[in-house]
């Protein structure tokens, strides 16, 4: 005989129907790391929560040994911003 324990998950319809607000970044499109790549370069990106709800954000990279991000993730309240450092190590 196998016993299966059921777990209940509460899903609130309002949380599913409201999309997160816009996120603005400065610079807005991209950052460019120029040669020589042996030198450490650090650029700063300002992330702003332009929406009216609290959001979580995260930066992912495919090469953690070459690209450092500080802080790599966080939570932003409405109209709040954070300054993130991106480094080519």
N, C-alpha and C. Protein backbone atom coordinates (compact mmCIF):
# COMPACT_ATOMS: atom_id res chain seq x y z
N UNK A 1 0.84 -1.17 0.00
CA UNK A 1 0.00 0.00 0.00
C UNK A 1 0.89 1.24 0.00
N UNK A 2 0.57 2.20 -0.84
CA UNK A 2 1.33 3.45 -0.95
C UNK A 2 0.44 4.59 -0.50
N UNK A 3 0.99 5.42 0.37
CA UNK A 3 0.26 6.57 0.86
C UNK A 3 0.83 7.83 0.20
N UNK A 4 -0.02 8.64 -0.35
CA UNK A 4 0.40 9.88 -0.99
C UNK A 4 -0.09 11.04 -0.15
N UNK A 5 0.85 11.87 0.25
CA UNK A 5 0.48 13.06 1.03
C UNK A 5 0.19 14.20 0.05
N UNK A 6 -0.94 14.80 0.19
CA UNK A 6 -1.32 15.91 -0.68
C UNK A 6 -0.97 17.24 -0.02
N UNK A 7 -0.46 18.12 -0.82
CA UNK A 7 -0.16 19.46 -0.34
C UNK A 7 -1.13 20.43 -1.01
N UNK A 8 -1.50 21.43 -0.27
CA UNK A 8 -2.41 22.44 -0.83
C UNK A 8 -1.63 23.70 -1.16
N UNK A 9 -1.91 24.22 -2.31
CA UNK A 9 -1.29 25.46 -2.75
C UNK A 9 -2.39 26.48 -2.96
N UNK A 10 -2.19 27.63 -2.37
CA UNK A 10 -3.17 28.71 -2.52
C UNK A 10 -2.72 29.60 -3.66
N UNK A 11 -3.58 29.75 -4.62
CA UNK A 11 -3.30 30.62 -5.76
C UNK A 11 -4.30 31.76 -5.73
N UNK A 12 -3.77 32.96 -5.65
CA UNK A 12 -4.62 34.14 -5.59
C UNK A 12 -4.83 34.67 -7.00
N UNK A 13 -6.07 34.80 -7.47
CA UNK A 13 -6.31 35.23 -8.84
C UNK A 13 -5.77 36.62 -9.14
N UNK A 14 -5.75 37.51 -8.16
CA UNK A 14 -5.25 38.85 -8.41
C UNK A 14 -3.76 38.82 -8.72
N UNK A 15 -3.00 37.97 -8.05
CA UNK A 15 -1.56 37.90 -8.27
C UNK A 15 -1.25 37.38 -9.67
N UNK A 16 -2.10 36.56 -10.23
CA UNK A 16 -1.86 36.03 -11.56
C UNK A 16 -2.26 37.01 -12.66
N UNK A 17 -3.20 37.88 -12.40
CA UNK A 17 -3.72 38.74 -13.46
C UNK A 17 -3.00 40.07 -13.59
N UNK A 18 -2.16 40.43 -12.63
CA UNK A 18 -1.48 41.72 -12.67
C UNK A 18 -0.02 41.51 -13.07
N UNK A 19 0.37 41.96 -14.27
CA UNK A 19 1.77 41.80 -14.68
C UNK A 19 2.66 42.77 -13.92
N UNK A 20 3.96 42.44 -13.79
CA UNK A 20 4.86 43.38 -13.12
C UNK A 20 5.03 44.64 -13.95
N UNK A 21 5.44 45.71 -13.32
CA UNK A 21 5.65 46.97 -14.02
C UNK A 21 6.93 46.98 -14.81
N UNK A 22 7.20 48.10 -15.44
CA UNK A 22 8.39 48.23 -16.26
C UNK A 22 9.64 48.36 -15.41
N UNK A 23 10.73 47.87 -15.95
CA UNK A 23 12.05 48.04 -15.35
C UNK A 23 12.86 48.90 -16.31
N UNK A 24 13.44 49.97 -15.81
CA UNK A 24 14.27 50.84 -16.63
C UNK A 24 15.72 50.66 -16.22
N UNK A 25 16.62 50.71 -17.20
CA UNK A 25 18.05 50.63 -16.92
C UNK A 25 18.77 51.80 -17.56
N UNK A 26 19.86 52.21 -16.91
CA UNK A 26 20.75 53.22 -17.47
C UNK A 26 22.15 52.65 -17.41
N UNK A 27 22.85 52.42 -18.49
CA UNK A 27 22.46 52.68 -19.86
C UNK A 27 21.31 51.79 -20.30
N UNK A 28 20.55 52.27 -21.26
CA UNK A 28 19.32 51.61 -21.65
C UNK A 28 19.45 50.42 -22.57
N UNK A 29 20.51 50.35 -23.38
CA UNK A 29 20.54 49.27 -24.37
C UNK A 29 21.63 48.24 -24.11
N UNK A 30 22.89 48.66 -23.96
CA UNK A 30 23.96 47.68 -23.80
C UNK A 30 25.19 48.35 -23.20
N UNK A 31 26.10 47.50 -22.71
CA UNK A 31 27.42 47.97 -22.30
C UNK A 31 28.44 47.21 -23.14
N UNK A 32 29.56 47.84 -23.42
CA UNK A 32 30.58 47.25 -24.28
C UNK A 32 31.90 47.22 -23.52
N UNK A 33 32.52 46.05 -23.47
CA UNK A 33 33.84 45.91 -22.88
C UNK A 33 34.86 45.91 -24.01
N UNK A 34 35.73 46.92 -24.03
CA UNK A 34 36.75 47.04 -25.06
C UNK A 34 38.05 46.41 -24.60
N UNK A 35 38.89 46.02 -25.56
CA UNK A 35 40.19 45.43 -25.26
C UNK A 35 41.08 46.47 -24.60
N UNK A 36 42.08 46.13 -23.83
CA UNK A 36 42.57 44.78 -23.52
C UNK A 36 41.70 44.11 -22.45
N UNK A 37 41.46 42.83 -22.62
CA UNK A 37 40.60 42.10 -21.71
C UNK A 37 41.33 41.61 -20.47
N UNK A 38 42.66 41.80 -20.42
CA UNK A 38 43.43 41.41 -19.23
C UNK A 38 43.23 42.40 -18.10
N UNK A 39 42.88 43.65 -18.43
CA UNK A 39 42.62 44.67 -17.41
C UNK A 39 41.21 44.51 -16.88
N UNK A 40 41.04 44.84 -15.61
CA UNK A 40 39.71 44.74 -15.01
C UNK A 40 38.92 46.01 -15.34
N UNK A 41 37.77 45.83 -15.97
CA UNK A 41 36.87 46.93 -16.30
C UNK A 41 35.60 46.77 -15.47
N UNK A 42 35.11 47.88 -14.91
CA UNK A 42 33.87 47.86 -14.16
C UNK A 42 32.95 48.95 -14.69
N UNK A 43 31.72 48.56 -14.99
CA UNK A 43 30.70 49.49 -15.43
C UNK A 43 29.53 49.42 -14.46
N UNK A 44 28.83 50.53 -14.31
CA UNK A 44 27.69 50.58 -13.40
C UNK A 44 26.40 50.71 -14.19
N UNK A 45 25.40 49.95 -13.75
CA UNK A 45 24.08 49.97 -14.37
C UNK A 45 23.07 50.32 -13.29
N UNK A 46 22.25 51.31 -13.57
CA UNK A 46 21.19 51.70 -12.63
C UNK A 46 19.91 51.01 -13.05
N UNK A 47 19.33 50.22 -12.13
CA UNK A 47 18.07 49.51 -12.38
C UNK A 47 16.98 50.20 -11.58
N UNK A 48 15.89 50.59 -12.25
CA UNK A 48 14.79 51.30 -11.60
C UNK A 48 13.49 50.54 -11.80
N UNK A 49 12.75 50.35 -10.72
CA UNK A 49 11.41 49.76 -10.78
C UNK A 49 10.43 50.90 -11.06
N UNK A 50 9.96 50.99 -12.29
CA UNK A 50 9.05 52.07 -12.68
C UNK A 50 7.60 51.73 -12.39
N UNK A 51 7.34 50.52 -11.96
CA UNK A 51 5.96 50.09 -11.70
C UNK A 51 5.49 50.45 -10.31
N UNK A 52 4.29 50.04 -10.00
CA UNK A 52 3.68 50.34 -8.71
C UNK A 52 3.70 49.17 -7.74
N UNK A 53 4.39 48.08 -8.10
CA UNK A 53 4.45 46.90 -7.24
C UNK A 53 5.89 46.51 -6.97
N UNK A 54 6.11 45.82 -5.89
CA UNK A 54 7.43 45.34 -5.53
C UNK A 54 7.83 44.21 -6.48
N UNK A 55 9.09 44.22 -6.94
CA UNK A 55 9.56 43.20 -7.87
C UNK A 55 10.89 42.63 -7.41
N UNK A 56 11.17 41.42 -7.84
CA UNK A 56 12.47 40.81 -7.65
C UNK A 56 13.20 40.78 -8.98
N UNK A 57 14.53 40.91 -8.94
CA UNK A 57 15.31 40.90 -10.17
C UNK A 57 16.57 40.06 -9.95
N UNK A 58 17.13 39.54 -11.03
CA UNK A 58 18.35 38.75 -10.96
C UNK A 58 19.09 38.85 -12.29
N UNK A 59 20.40 38.80 -12.22
CA UNK A 59 21.26 38.81 -13.40
C UNK A 59 21.93 37.44 -13.48
N UNK A 60 21.87 36.83 -14.65
CA UNK A 60 22.51 35.54 -14.85
C UNK A 60 23.56 35.67 -15.95
N UNK A 61 24.63 34.92 -15.83
CA UNK A 61 25.67 34.90 -16.83
C UNK A 61 26.07 33.45 -17.12
N UNK A 62 26.58 33.21 -18.29
CA UNK A 62 27.02 31.86 -18.64
C UNK A 62 28.48 31.63 -18.27
N UNK A 63 29.19 32.69 -17.88
CA UNK A 63 30.60 32.55 -17.52
C UNK A 63 30.88 33.34 -16.25
N UNK A 64 30.66 32.70 -15.11
CA UNK A 64 30.83 33.37 -13.82
C UNK A 64 32.29 33.72 -13.53
N UNK A 65 33.25 33.03 -14.17
CA UNK A 65 34.66 33.32 -13.91
C UNK A 65 35.12 34.60 -14.61
N UNK A 66 34.46 35.02 -15.66
CA UNK A 66 34.87 36.21 -16.39
C UNK A 66 34.02 37.44 -16.12
N UNK A 67 32.77 37.24 -15.76
CA UNK A 67 31.86 38.36 -15.57
C UNK A 67 31.33 38.36 -14.14
N UNK A 68 31.63 39.41 -13.40
CA UNK A 68 31.15 39.53 -12.04
C UNK A 68 30.06 40.58 -11.94
N UNK A 69 29.06 40.30 -11.14
CA UNK A 69 27.93 41.22 -10.95
C UNK A 69 27.72 41.41 -9.46
N UNK A 70 27.65 42.66 -9.02
CA UNK A 70 27.44 42.94 -7.60
C UNK A 70 26.44 44.08 -7.44
N UNK A 71 25.30 43.89 -6.86
CA UNK A 71 24.72 42.64 -6.36
C UNK A 71 24.12 41.83 -7.51
N UNK A 72 24.12 40.49 -7.41
CA UNK A 72 23.59 39.67 -8.49
C UNK A 72 22.06 39.58 -8.52
N UNK A 73 21.40 39.96 -7.43
CA UNK A 73 19.94 39.89 -7.38
C UNK A 73 19.44 40.82 -6.28
N UNK A 74 18.14 41.06 -6.27
CA UNK A 74 17.58 41.93 -5.25
C UNK A 74 16.08 42.11 -5.41
N UNK A 75 15.54 42.91 -4.52
CA UNK A 75 14.12 43.24 -4.53
C UNK A 75 14.00 44.76 -4.57
N UNK A 76 13.15 45.26 -5.46
CA UNK A 76 12.96 46.71 -5.58
C UNK A 76 11.52 47.07 -5.26
N UNK A 77 11.35 48.01 -4.37
CA UNK A 77 10.03 48.56 -4.07
C UNK A 77 9.62 49.49 -5.21
N UNK A 78 8.37 49.90 -5.29
CA UNK A 78 7.94 50.82 -6.35
C UNK A 78 8.77 52.10 -6.36
N UNK A 79 9.19 52.51 -7.53
CA UNK A 79 9.96 53.73 -7.78
C UNK A 79 11.35 53.70 -7.14
N UNK A 80 11.81 52.55 -6.68
CA UNK A 80 13.14 52.43 -6.07
C UNK A 80 14.15 52.04 -7.15
N UNK A 81 15.43 52.36 -6.91
CA UNK A 81 16.47 51.96 -7.85
C UNK A 81 17.68 51.41 -7.11
N UNK A 82 18.53 50.72 -7.86
CA UNK A 82 19.75 50.15 -7.30
C UNK A 82 20.86 50.34 -8.33
N UNK A 83 22.08 50.54 -7.84
CA UNK A 83 23.24 50.68 -8.71
C UNK A 83 24.00 49.36 -8.69
N UNK A 84 24.13 48.73 -9.84
CA UNK A 84 24.76 47.43 -9.95
C UNK A 84 26.09 47.58 -10.67
N UNK A 85 27.13 46.90 -10.16
CA UNK A 85 28.45 46.93 -10.79
C UNK A 85 28.65 45.66 -11.60
N UNK A 86 29.02 45.82 -12.87
CA UNK A 86 29.32 44.69 -13.75
C UNK A 86 30.80 44.77 -14.08
N UNK A 87 31.55 43.70 -13.77
CA UNK A 87 32.99 43.70 -13.95
C UNK A 87 33.43 42.58 -14.87
N UNK A 88 34.37 42.89 -15.74
CA UNK A 88 35.03 41.89 -16.55
C UNK A 88 36.30 41.52 -15.81
N UNK A 89 36.35 40.32 -15.28
CA UNK A 89 37.46 39.90 -14.41
C UNK A 89 38.53 39.23 -15.23
